[in-house]
């Protein structure tokens, strides 16, 4: 087997870096929305775990409108343990962590 240089990877690498940067920006914006009290911690953690509404819906089996409702802080504080466990499993973080916003140095 002979290794030969490949072309086109630079473009793919640039696109991947841009996508990751966009996700980081979305996570920071989401963090600020949660910090301001406009959204629940679920909103931030969705973006922090590199998901969007569509992917979270597919992963949990919940309708998008249901997840959007859970983004409301007043709804989220009354969330059932079973529903929270579904989010926890999908996002790969503990249910306890999902209920509070982690401390970050984002400028809001």
PDB file of N, CA and C in Angstrom:
ATOM      1  N   UNK A   1       0.845  -1.171   0.000  1.00  0.00           N
ATOM      2  CA  UNK A   1       0.000   0.000   0.000  1.00  0.00           C
ATOM      3  C   UNK A   1       0.891   1.234   0.000  1.00  0.00           C
ATOM      4  N   UNK A   2       0.507   2.166  -0.847  1.00  0.00           N
ATOM      5  CA  UNK A   2       1.264   3.403  -0.957  1.00  0.00           C
ATOM      6  C   UNK A   2       0.361   4.570  -0.558  1.00  0.00           C
ATOM      7  N   UNK A   3       0.850   5.447   0.310  1.00  0.00           N
ATOM      8  CA  UNK A   3       0.102   6.622   0.742  1.00  0.00           C
ATOM      9  C   UNK A   3       0.385   7.752  -0.234  1.00  0.00           C
ATOM     10  N   UNK A   4      -0.688   8.339  -0.734  1.00  0.00           N
ATOM     11  CA  UNK A   4      -0.537   9.460  -1.666  1.00  0.00           C
ATOM     12  C   UNK A   4      -1.269  10.667  -1.093  1.00  0.00           C
ATOM     13  N   UNK A   5      -0.784  11.853  -1.408  1.00  0.00           N
ATOM     14  CA  UNK A   5      -1.456  13.056  -0.909  1.00  0.00           C
ATOM     15  C   UNK A   5      -2.848  13.185  -1.539  1.00  0.00           C
ATOM     16  N   UNK A   6      -3.768  13.695  -0.762  1.00  0.00           N
ATOM     17  CA  UNK A   6      -5.139  13.856  -1.228  1.00  0.00           C
ATOM     18  C   UNK A   6      -5.458  15.339  -1.380  1.00  0.00           C
ATOM     19  N   UNK A   7      -6.366  15.621  -2.261  1.00  0.00           N
ATOM     20  CA  UNK A   7      -6.789  17.010  -2.435  1.00  0.00           C
ATOM     21  C   UNK A   7      -8.232  17.159  -1.973  1.00  0.00           C
ATOM     22  N   UNK A   8      -8.590  18.344  -1.597  1.00  0.00           N
ATOM     23  CA  UNK A   8      -9.966  18.607  -1.202  1.00  0.00           C
ATOM     24  C   UNK A   8     -10.210  18.586   0.289  1.00  0.00           C
ATOM     25  N   UNK A   9      -9.278  18.046   1.056  1.00  0.00           N
ATOM     26  CA  UNK A   9      -9.478  17.968   2.501  1.00  0.00           C
ATOM     27  C   UNK A   9      -9.423  19.334   3.163  1.00  0.00           C
ATOM     28  N   UNK A  10      -8.681  20.254   2.569  1.00  0.00           N
ATOM     29  CA  UNK A  10      -8.586  21.595   3.140  1.00  0.00           C
ATOM     30  C   UNK A  10      -9.963  22.251   3.170  1.00  0.00           C
ATOM     31  N   UNK A  11     -10.728  22.053   2.117  1.00  0.00           N
ATOM     32  CA  UNK A  11     -12.074  22.625   2.044  1.00  0.00           C
ATOM     33  C   UNK A  11     -12.972  21.998   3.109  1.00  0.00           C
ATOM     34  N   UNK A  12     -12.919  20.687   3.224  1.00  0.00           N
ATOM     35  CA  UNK A  12     -13.740  20.000   4.223  1.00  0.00           C
ATOM     36  C   UNK A  12     -13.349  20.429   5.630  1.00  0.00           C
ATOM     37  N   UNK A  13     -12.065  20.576   5.871  1.00  0.00           N
ATOM     38  CA  UNK A  13     -11.598  21.013   7.187  1.00  0.00           C
ATOM     39  C   UNK A  13     -12.103  22.421   7.499  1.00  0.00           C
ATOM     40  N   UNK A  14     -12.051  23.303   6.523  1.00  0.00           N
ATOM     41  CA  UNK A  14     -12.523  24.683   6.718  1.00  0.00           C
ATOM     42  C   UNK A  14     -14.023  24.717   7.004  1.00  0.00           C
ATOM     43  N   UNK A  15     -14.780  23.909   6.294  1.00  0.00           N
ATOM     44  CA  UNK A  15     -16.226  23.856   6.491  1.00  0.00           C
ATOM     45  C   UNK A  15     -16.554  23.296   7.876  1.00  0.00           C
ATOM     46  N   UNK A  16     -15.841  22.266   8.285  1.00  0.00           N
ATOM     47  CA  UNK A  16     -16.056  21.674   9.611  1.00  0.00           C
ATOM     48  C   UNK A  16     -15.732  22.679  10.712  1.00  0.00           C
ATOM     49  N   UNK A  17     -14.614  23.390  10.567  1.00  0.00           N
ATOM     50  CA  UNK A  17     -14.251  24.404  11.557  1.00  0.00           C
ATOM     51  C   UNK A  17     -15.311  25.505  11.630  1.00  0.00           C
ATOM     52  N   UNK A  18     -15.836  25.916  10.473  1.00  0.00           N
ATOM     53  CA  UNK A  18     -16.868  26.949  10.435  1.00  0.00           C
ATOM     54  C   UNK A  18     -18.141  26.468  11.121  1.00  0.00           C
ATOM     55  N   UNK A  19     -18.518  25.222  10.870  1.00  0.00           N
ATOM     56  CA  UNK A  19     -19.717  24.658  11.498  1.00  0.00           C
ATOM     57  C   UNK A  19     -19.556  24.594  13.018  1.00  0.00           C
ATOM     58  N   UNK A  20     -18.403  24.175  13.488  1.00  0.00           N
ATOM     59  CA  UNK A  20     -18.146  24.117  14.932  1.00  0.00           C
ATOM     60  C   UNK A  20     -18.151  25.509  15.553  1.00  0.00           C
ATOM     61  N   UNK A  21     -17.612  26.465  14.830  1.00  0.00           N
ATOM     62  CA  UNK A  21     -17.619  27.848  15.313  1.00  0.00           C
ATOM     63  C   UNK A  21     -19.056  28.376  15.392  1.00  0.00           C
ATOM     64  N   UNK A  22     -19.873  28.064  14.406  1.00  0.00           N
ATOM     65  CA  UNK A  22     -21.282  28.473  14.413  1.00  0.00           C
ATOM     66  C   UNK A  22     -22.019  27.857  15.601  1.00  0.00           C
ATOM     67  N   UNK A  23     -21.753  26.587  15.889  1.00  0.00           N
ATOM     68  CA  UNK A  23     -22.382  25.930  17.037  1.00  0.00           C
ATOM     69  C   UNK A  23     -21.942  26.578  18.350  1.00  0.00           C
ATOM     70  N   UNK A  24     -20.685  26.965  18.433  1.00  0.00           N
ATOM     71  CA  UNK A  24     -20.191  27.633  19.634  1.00  0.00           C
ATOM     72  C   UNK A  24     -20.892  28.980  19.822  1.00  0.00           C
ATOM     73  N   UNK A  25     -21.082  29.704  18.744  1.00  0.00           N
ATOM     74  CA  UNK A  25     -21.779  30.998  18.807  1.00  0.00           C
ATOM     75  C   UNK A  25     -23.227  30.793  19.234  1.00  0.00           C
ATOM     76  N   UNK A  26     -23.878  29.785  18.672  1.00  0.00           N
ATOM     77  CA  UNK A  26     -25.263  29.478  19.057  1.00  0.00           C
ATOM     78  C   UNK A  26     -25.341  29.133  20.549  1.00  0.00           C
ATOM     79  N   UNK A  27     -24.384  28.362  21.033  1.00  0.00           N
ATOM     80  CA  UNK A  27     -24.368  27.988  22.450  1.00  0.00           C
ATOM     81  C   UNK A  27     -24.191  29.220  23.331  1.00  0.00           C
ATOM     82  N   UNK A  28     -23.330  30.141  22.924  1.00  0.00           N
ATOM     83  CA  UNK A  28     -23.117  31.355  23.707  1.00  0.00           C
ATOM     84  C   UNK A  28     -24.372  32.230  23.717  1.00  0.00           C
ATOM     85  N   UNK A  29     -25.021  32.364  22.573  1.00  0.00           N
ATOM     86  CA  UNK A  29     -26.262  33.145  22.501  1.00  0.00           C
ATOM     87  C   UNK A  29     -27.356  32.496  23.348  1.00  0.00           C
ATOM     88  N   UNK A  30     -27.430  31.173  23.283  1.00  0.00           N
ATOM     89  CA  UNK A  30     -28.422  30.443  24.073  1.00  0.00           C
ATOM     90  C   UNK A  30     -28.149  30.615  25.560  1.00  0.00           C
ATOM     91  N   UNK A  31     -26.879  30.577  25.953  1.00  0.00           N
ATOM     92  CA  UNK A  31     -26.494  30.774  27.346  1.00  0.00           C
ATOM     93  C   UNK A  31     -27.012  32.121  27.846  1.00  0.00           C
ATOM     94  N   UNK A  32     -26.822  33.147  27.043  1.00  0.00           N
ATOM     95  CA  UNK A  32     -27.268  34.490  27.432  1.00  0.00           C
ATOM     96  C   UNK A  32     -28.790  34.557  27.564  1.00  0.00           C
ATOM     97  N   UNK A  33     -29.506  33.871  26.695  1.00  0.00           N
ATOM     98  CA  UNK A  33     -30.967  33.844  26.789  1.00  0.00           C
ATOM     99  C   UNK A  33     -31.425  33.178  28.088  1.00  0.00           C
ATOM    100  N   UNK A  34     -30.728  32.132  28.483  1.00  0.00           N
ATOM    101  CA  UNK A  34     -31.053  31.442  29.733  1.00  0.00           C
ATOM    102  C   UNK A  34     -30.688  32.343  30.914  1.00  0.00           C
ATOM    103  N   UNK A  35     -29.525  32.959  30.849  1.00  0.00           N
ATOM    104  CA  UNK A  35     -29.059  33.837  31.927  1.00  0.00           C
ATOM    105  C   UNK A  35     -30.039  34.994  32.147  1.00  0.00           C
ATOM    106  N   UNK A  36     -30.636  35.489  31.064  1.00  0.00           N
ATOM    107  CA  UNK A  36     -31.603  36.595  31.144  1.00  0.00           C
ATOM    108  C   UNK A  36     -32.977  36.125  31.634  1.00  0.00           C
ATOM    109  N   UNK A  37     -33.163  34.805  31.701  1.00  0.00           N
ATOM    110  CA  UNK A  37     -34.442  34.275  32.158  1.00  0.00           C
ATOM    111  C   UNK A  37     -35.459  34.086  31.051  1.00  0.00           C
ATOM    112  N   UNK A  38     -35.020  34.216  29.801  1.00  0.00           N
ATOM    113  CA  UNK A  38     -35.922  34.071  28.659  1.00  0.00           C
ATOM    114  C   UNK A  38     -36.128  32.616  28.239  1.00  0.00           C
ATOM    115  N   UNK A  39     -35.169  31.760  28.551  1.00  0.00           N
ATOM    116  CA  UNK A  39     -35.218  30.351  28.156  1.00  0.00           C
ATOM    117  C   UNK A  39     -34.787  29.476  29.324  1.00  0.00           C
ATOM    118  N   UNK A  40     -35.148  28.204  29.237  1.00  0.00           N
ATOM    119  CA  UNK A  40     -34.750  27.236  30.259  1.00  0.00           C
ATOM    120  C   UNK A  40     -33.336  26.725  29.973  1.00  0.00           C
ATOM    121  N   UNK A  41     -32.682  26.107  30.963  1.00  0.00           N
ATOM    122  CA  UNK A  41     -31.347  25.544  30.739  1.00  0.00           C
ATOM    123  C   UNK A  41     -31.301  24.526  29.586  1.00  0.00           C
ATOM    124  N   UNK A  42     -32.415  23.865  29.324  1.00  0.00           N
ATOM    125  CA  UNK A  42     -32.469  22.904  28.216  1.00  0.00           C
ATOM    126  C   UNK A  42     -32.049  23.556  26.907  1.00  0.00           C
ATOM    127  N   UNK A  43     -32.446  24.785  26.697  1.00  0.00           N
ATOM    128  CA  UNK A  43     -32.131  25.519  25.469  1.00  0.00           C
ATOM    129  C   UNK A  43     -30.619  25.637  25.292  1.00  0.00           C
ATOM    130  N   UNK A  44     -29.924  26.013  26.352  1.00  0.00           N
ATOM    131  CA  UNK A  44     -28.465  26.117  26.278  1.00  0.00           C
ATOM    132  C   UNK A  44     -27.814  24.759  26.058  1.00  0.00           C
ATOM    133  N   UNK A  45     -28.212  23.782  26.869  1.00  0.00           N
ATOM    134  CA  UNK A  45     -27.556  22.478  26.789  1.00  0.00           C
ATOM    135  C   UNK A  45     -27.763  21.806  25.436  1.00  0.00           C
ATOM    136  N   UNK A  46     -28.874  22.081  24.795  1.00  0.00           N
ATOM    137  CA  UNK A  46     -29.114  21.536  23.457  1.00  0.00           C
ATOM    138  C   UNK A  46     -27.992  21.995  22.518  1.00  0.00           C
ATOM    139  N   UNK A  47     -27.716  23.294  22.516  1.00  0.00           N
ATOM    140  CA  UNK A  47     -26.660  23.819  21.641  1.00  0.00           C
ATOM    141  C   UNK A  47     -25.271  23.446  22.142  1.00  0.00           C
ATOM    142  N   UNK A  48     -25.078  23.428  23.455  1.00  0.00           N
ATOM    143  CA  UNK A  48     -23.773  23.081  24.011  1.00  0.00           C
ATOM    144  C   UNK A  48     -23.376  21.651  23.651  1.00  0.00           C
ATOM    145  N   UNK A  49     -24.366  20.775  23.495  1.00  0.00           N
ATOM    146  CA  UNK A  49     -24.101  19.388  23.125  1.00  0.00           C
ATOM    147  C   UNK A  49     -24.152  19.188  21.603  1.00  0.00           C
ATOM    148  N   UNK A  50     -24.086  20.299  20.885  1.00  0.00           N
ATOM    149  CA  UNK A  50     -24.031  20.293  19.412  1.00  0.00           C
ATOM    150  C   UNK A  50     -25.273  19.682  18.771  1.00  0.00           C
ATOM    151  N   UNK A  51     -26.410  20.057  19.307  1.00  0.00           N
ATOM    152  CA  UNK A  51     -27.688  19.618  18.747  1.00  0.00           C
ATOM    153  C   UNK A  51     -28.489  20.843  18.340  1.00  0.00           C
ATOM    154  N   UNK A  52     -29.520  20.598  17.578  1.00  0.00           N
ATOM    155  CA  UNK A  52     -30.504  21.628  17.282  1.00  0.00           C
ATOM    156  C   UNK A  52     -31.873  21.031  17.578  1.00  0.00           C
ATOM    157  N   UNK A  53     -32.915  21.819  17.360  1.00  0.00           N
ATOM    158  CA  UNK A  53     -34.255  21.366  17.697  1.00  0.00           C
ATOM    159  C   UNK A  53     -34.632  20.088  16.950  1.00  0.00           C
ATOM    160  N   UNK A  54     -34.310  20.018  15.687  1.00  0.00           N
ATOM    161  CA  UNK A  54     -34.630  18.845  14.873  1.00  0.00           C
ATOM    162  C   UNK A  54     -33.959  17.584  15.434  1.00  0.00           C
ATOM    163  N   UNK A  55     -32.683  17.683  15.711  1.00  0.00           N
ATOM    164  CA  UNK A  55     -31.940  16.519  16.207  1.00  0.00           C
ATOM    165  C   UNK A  55     -32.416  16.102  17.599  1.00  0.00           C
ATOM    166  N   UNK A  56     -32.684  17.076  18.463  1.00  0.00           N
ATOM    167  CA  UNK A  56     -33.176  16.748  19.798  1.00  0.00           C
ATOM    168  C   UNK A  56     -34.542  16.081  19.705  1.00  0.00           C
ATOM    169  N   UNK A  57     -35.359  16.544  18.793  1.00  0.00           N
ATOM    170  CA  UNK A  57     -36.675  15.941  18.582  1.00  0.00           C
ATOM    171  C   UNK A  57     -36.536  14.491  18.109  1.00  0.00           C
ATOM    172  N   UNK A  58     -35.663  14.270  17.155  1.00  0.00           N
ATOM    173  CA  UNK A  58     -35.450  12.915  16.636  1.00  0.00           C
ATOM    174  C   UNK A  58     -34.867  11.992  17.708  1.00  0.00           C
ATOM    175  N   UNK A  59     -33.972  12.506  18.515  1.00  0.00           N
ATOM    176  CA  UNK A  59     -33.304  11.703  19.534  1.00  0.00           C
ATOM    177  C   UNK A  59     -34.238  11.329  20.685  1.00  0.00           C
ATOM    178  N   UNK A  60     -35.066  12.277  21.108  1.00  0.00           N
ATOM    179  CA  UNK A  60     -35.960  12.032  22.240  1.00  0.00           C
ATOM    180  C   UNK A  60     -37.297  11.422  21.827  1.00  0.00           C
ATOM    181  N   UNK A  61     -37.693  11.664  20.583  1.00  0.00           N
ATOM    182  CA  UNK A  61     -39.012  11.232  20.136  1.00  0.00           C
ATOM    183  C   UNK A  61     -40.107  12.231  20.483  1.00  0.00           C
ATOM    184  N   UNK A  62     -39.720  13.387  21.040  1.00  0.00           N
ATOM    185  CA  UNK A  62     -40.684  14.428  21.377  1.00  0.00           C
ATOM    186  C   UNK A  62     -40.928  15.313  20.158  1.00  0.00           C
ATOM    187  N   UNK A  63     -42.149  15.822  20.050  1.00  0.00           N
ATOM    188  CA  UNK A  63     -42.452  16.773  18.987  1.00  0.00           C
ATOM    189  C   UNK A  63     -41.664  18.059  19.212  1.00  0.00           C
ATOM    190  N   UNK A  64     -41.323  18.740  18.126  1.00  0.00           N
ATOM    191  CA  UNK A  64     -40.580  19.990  18.237  1.00  0.00           C
ATOM    192  C   UNK A  64     -41.351  21.030  19.050  1.00  0.00           C
ATOM    193  N   UNK A  65     -42.665  21.084  18.854  1.00  0.00           N
ATOM    194  CA  UNK A  65     -43.454  22.079  19.598  1.00  0.00           C
ATOM    195  C   UNK A  65     -43.417  21.793  21.107  1.00  0.00           C
ATOM    196  N   UNK A  66     -43.303  20.527  21.463  1.00  0.00           N
ATOM    197  CA  UNK A  66     -43.218  20.146  22.875  1.00  0.00           C
ATOM    198  C   UNK A  66     -41.882  20.607  23.462  1.00  0.00           C
ATOM    199  N   UNK A  67     -40.831  20.410  22.708  1.00  0.00           N
ATOM    200  CA  UNK A  67     -39.504  20.836  23.169  1.00  0.00           C
ATOM    201  C   UNK A  67     -39.462  22.357  23.271  1.00  0.00           C
ATOM    202  N   UNK A  68     -40.023  23.050  22.272  1.00  0.00           N
ATOM    203  CA  UNK A  68     -40.085  24.509  22.333  1.00  0.00           C
ATOM    204  C   UNK A  68     -40.809  24.971  23.599  1.00  0.00           C
ATOM    205  N   UNK A  69     -41.877  24.268  23.958  1.00  0.00           N
ATOM    206  CA  UNK A  69     -42.618  24.600  25.180  1.00  0.00           C
ATOM    207  C   UNK A  69     -41.714  24.422  26.400  1.00  0.00           C
ATOM    208  N   UNK A  70     -40.885  23.384  26.377  1.00  0.00           N
ATOM    209  CA  UNK A  70     -39.972  23.135  27.499  1.00  0.00           C
ATOM    210  C   UNK A  70     -38.842  24.163  27.577  1.00  0.00           C
ATOM    211  N   UNK A  71     -38.653  24.935  26.532  1.00  0.00           N
ATOM    212  CA  UNK A  71     -37.685  26.030  26.578  1.00  0.00           C
ATOM    213  C   UNK A  71     -38.187  27.168  27.470  1.00  0.00           C
ATOM    214  N   UNK A  72     -39.475  27.182  27.757  1.00  0.00           N
ATOM    215  CA  UNK A  72     -40.070  28.201  28.623  1.00  0.00           C
ATOM    216  C   UNK A  72     -39.694  27.879  30.073  1.00  0.00           C
ATOM    217  N   UNK A  73     -39.021  28.812  30.766  1.00  0.00           N
ATOM    218  CA  UNK A  73     -38.576  28.530  32.137  1.00  0.00           C
ATOM    219  C   UNK A  73     -39.714  28.157  33.092  1.00  0.00           C
ATOM    220  N   UNK A  74     -40.864  28.779  32.949  1.00  0.00           N
ATOM    221  CA  UNK A  74     -41.970  28.481  33.873  1.00  0.00           C
ATOM    222  C   UNK A  74     -42.557  27.096  33.635  1.00  0.00           C
ATOM    223  N   UNK A  75     -42.448  26.602  32.433  1.00  0.00           N
ATOM    224  CA  UNK A  75     -42.884  25.232  32.122  1.00  0.00           C
ATOM    225  C   UNK A  75     -41.807  24.246  32.574  1.00  0.00           C
ATOM    226  N   UNK A  76     -40.573  24.598  32.333  1.00  0.00           N
ATOM    227  CA  UNK A  76     -39.452  23.696  32.595  1.00  0.00           C
ATOM    228  C   UNK A  76     -39.283  23.366  34.076  1.00  0.00           C
ATOM    229  N   UNK A  77     -39.578  24.311  34.956  1.00  0.00           N
ATOM    230  CA  UNK A  77     -39.404  24.043  36.392  1.00  0.00           C
ATOM    231  C   UNK A  77     -40.385  22.982  36.888  1.00  0.00           C
ATOM    232  N   UNK A  78     -41.460  22.742  36.134  1.00  0.00           N
ATOM    233  CA  UNK A  78     -42.457  21.736  36.518  1.00  0.00           C
ATOM    234  C   UNK A  78     -42.329  20.447  35.701  1.00  0.00           C
ATOM    235  N   UNK A  79     -41.208  20.296  35.003  1.00  0.00           N
ATOM    236  CA  UNK A  79     -41.029  19.149  34.112  1.00  0.00           C
ATOM    237  C   UNK A  79     -41.020  17.834  34.916  1.00  0.00           C
ATOM    238  N   UNK A  80     -41.625  16.822  34.361  1.00  0.00           N
ATOM    239  CA  UNK A  80     -41.690  15.506  35.005  1.00  0.00           C
ATOM    240  C   UNK A  80     -40.327  14.810  34.919  1.00  0.00           C
ATOM    241  N   UNK A  81     -40.028  13.987  35.920  1.00  0.00           N
ATOM    242  CA  UNK A  81     -38.742  13.287  36.005  1.00  0.00           C
ATOM    243  C   UNK A  81     -38.498  12.398  34.782  1.00  0.00           C
ATOM    244  N   UNK A  82     -39.534  11.751  34.295  1.00  0.00           N
ATOM    245  CA  UNK A  82     -39.383  10.850  33.143  1.00  0.00           C
ATOM    246  C   UNK A  82     -38.990  11.625  31.881  1.00  0.00           C
ATOM    247  N   UNK A  83     -39.602  12.783  31.694  1.00  0.00           N
ATOM    248  CA  UNK A  83     -39.286  13.630  30.537  1.00  0.00           C
ATOM    249  C   UNK A  83     -37.861  14.167  30.658  1.00  0.00           C
ATOM    250  N   UNK A  84     -37.506  14.603  31.862  1.00  0.00           N
ATOM    251  CA  UNK A  84     -36.158  15.102  32.111  1.00  0.00           C
ATOM    252  C   UNK A  84     -35.125  14.005  31.860  1.00  0.00           C
ATOM    253  N   UNK A  85     -35.451  12.777  32.237  1.00  0.00           N
ATOM    254  CA  UNK A  85     -34.551  11.643  31.998  1.00  0.00           C
ATOM    255  C   UNK A  85     -34.335  11.412  30.502  1.00  0.00           C
ATOM    256  N   UNK A  86     -35.370  11.619  29.712  1.00  0.00           N
ATOM    257  CA  UNK A  86     -35.231  11.487  28.252  1.00  0.00           C
ATOM    258  C   UNK A  86     -34.273  12.528  27.703  1.00  0.00           C
ATOM    259  N   UNK A  87     -34.434  13.765  28.169  1.00  0.00           N
ATOM    260  CA  UNK A  87     -33.513  14.822  27.743  1.00  0.00           C
ATOM    261  C   UNK A  87     -32.092  14.512  28.208  1.00  0.00           C
ATOM    262  N   UNK A  88     -31.971  14.052  29.435  1.00  0.00           N
ATOM    263  CA  UNK A  88     -30.676  13.725  30.010  1.00  0.00           C
ATOM    264  C   UNK A  88     -29.955  12.664  29.178  1.00  0.00           C
ATOM    265  N   UNK A  89     -30.681  11.636  28.830  1.00  0.00           N
ATOM    266  CA  UNK A  89     -30.090  10.565  28.022  1.00  0.00           C
ATOM    267  C   UNK A  89     -29.693  11.064  26.641  1.00  0.00           C
ATOM    268  N   UNK A  90     -30.554  11.840  26.024  1.00  0.00           N
ATOM    269  CA  UNK A  90     -30.282  12.348  24.668  1.00  0.00           C
ATOM    270  C   UNK A  90     -29.079  13.289  24.643  1.00  0.00           C
ATOM    271  N   UNK A  91     -28.943  14.100  25.688  1.00  0.00           N
ATOM    272  CA  UNK A  91     -27.873  15.090  25.723  1.00  0.00           C
ATOM    273  C   UNK A  91     -26.598  14.571  26.381  1.00  0.00           C
ATOM    274  N   UNK A  92     -26.703  13.435  27.057  1.00  0.00           N
ATOM    275  CA  UNK A  92     -25.522  12.842  27.674  1.00  0.00           C
ATOM    276  C   UNK A  92     -25.041  13.578  28.916  1.00  0.00           C
ATOM    277  N   UNK A  93     -25.963  14.225  29.624  1.00  0.00           N
ATOM    278  CA  UNK A  93     -25.617  14.890  30.876  1.00  0.00           C
ATOM    279  C   UNK A  93     -26.669  14.542  31.926  1.00  0.00           C
ATOM    280  N   UNK A  94     -26.321  14.728  33.174  1.00  0.00           N
ATOM    281  CA  UNK A  94     -27.224  14.313  34.247  1.00  0.00           C
ATOM    282  C   UNK A  94     -28.476  15.187  34.308  1.00  0.00           C
ATOM    283  N   UNK A  95     -29.534  14.610  34.854  1.00  0.00           N
ATOM    284  CA  UNK A  95     -30.792  15.339  35.021  1.00  0.00           C
ATOM    285  C   UNK A  95     -30.595  16.528  35.950  1.00  0.00           C
ATOM    286  N   UNK A  96     -29.763  16.365  36.974  1.00  0.00           N
ATOM    287  CA  UNK A  96     -29.490  17.452  37.909  1.00  0.00           C
ATOM    288  C   UNK A  96     -28.819  18.622  37.196  1.00  0.00           C
ATOM    289  N   UNK A  97     -27.873  18.302  36.331  1.00  0.00           N
ATOM    290  CA  UNK A  97     -27.171  19.341  35.576  1.00  0.00           C
ATOM    291  C   UNK A  97     -28.128  20.057  34.634  1.00  0.00           C
ATOM    292  N   UNK A  98     -29.085  19.336  34.075  1.00  0.00           N
ATOM    293  CA  UNK A  98     -30.050  19.935  33.156  1.00  0.00           C
ATOM    294  C   UNK A  98     -30.957  20.969  33.810  1.00  0.00           C
ATOM    295  N   UNK A  99     -31.067  20.914  35.120  1.00  0.00           N
ATOM    296  CA  UNK A  99     -31.964  21.831  35.819  1.00  0.00           C
ATOM    297  C   UNK A  99     -31.320  23.170  36.165  1.00  0.00           C
ATOM    298  N   UNK A 100     -29.996  23.254  36.085  1.00  0.00           N
ATOM    299  CA  UNK A 100     -29.299  24.502  36.418  1.00  0.00           C
ATOM    300  C   UNK A 100     -28.341  24.872  35.291  1.00  0.00           C
ATOM    301  N   UNK A 101     -28.093  26.136  35.182  1.00  0.00           N
ATOM    302  CA  UNK A 101     -27.168  26.621  34.155  1.00  0.00           C
ATOM    303  C   UNK A 101     -25.759  26.626  34.712  1.00  0.00           C
ATOM    304  N   UNK A 102     -24.840  25.973  33.999  1.00  0.00           N
ATOM    305  CA  UNK A 102     -23.456  25.970  34.451  1.00  0.00           C
ATOM    306  C   UNK A 102     -22.873  27.378  34.332  1.00  0.00           C
ATOM    307  N   UNK A 103     -21.858  27.651  35.105  1.00  0.00           N
ATOM    308  CA  UNK A 103     -21.242  28.969  35.105  1.00  0.00           C
ATOM    309  C   UNK A 103     -20.209  29.069  33.990  1.00  0.00           C
ATOM    310  N   UNK A 104     -20.411  30.009  33.091  1.00  0.00           N
ATOM    311  CA  UNK A 104     -19.492  30.228  31.970  1.00  0.00           C
ATOM    312  C   UNK A 104     -19.071  31.688  31.957  1.00  0.00           C
ATOM    313  N   UNK A 105     -17.985  31.979  31.285  1.00  0.00           N
ATOM    314  CA  UNK A 105     -17.487  33.354  31.175  1.00  0.00           C
ATOM    315  C   UNK A 105     -17.927  34.021  29.878  1.00  0.00           C
ATOM    316  N   UNK A 106     -19.118  33.711  29.427  1.00  0.00           N
ATOM    317  CA  UNK A 106     -19.627  34.322  28.210  1.00  0.00           C
ATOM    318  C   UNK A 106     -20.091  35.738  28.515  1.00  0.00           C
ATOM    319  N   UNK A 107     -19.850  36.614  27.574  1.00  0.00           N
ATOM    320  CA  UNK A 107     -20.274  38.004  27.729  1.00  0.00           C
ATOM    321  C   UNK A 107     -21.686  38.170  27.198  1.00  0.00           C
ATOM    322  N   UNK A 108     -22.602  38.498  28.068  1.00  0.00           N
ATOM    323  CA  UNK A 108     -24.006  38.649  27.658  1.00  0.00           C
ATOM    324  C   UNK A 108     -24.413  40.112  27.613  1.00  0.00           C
TER     325      UNK A 108
END
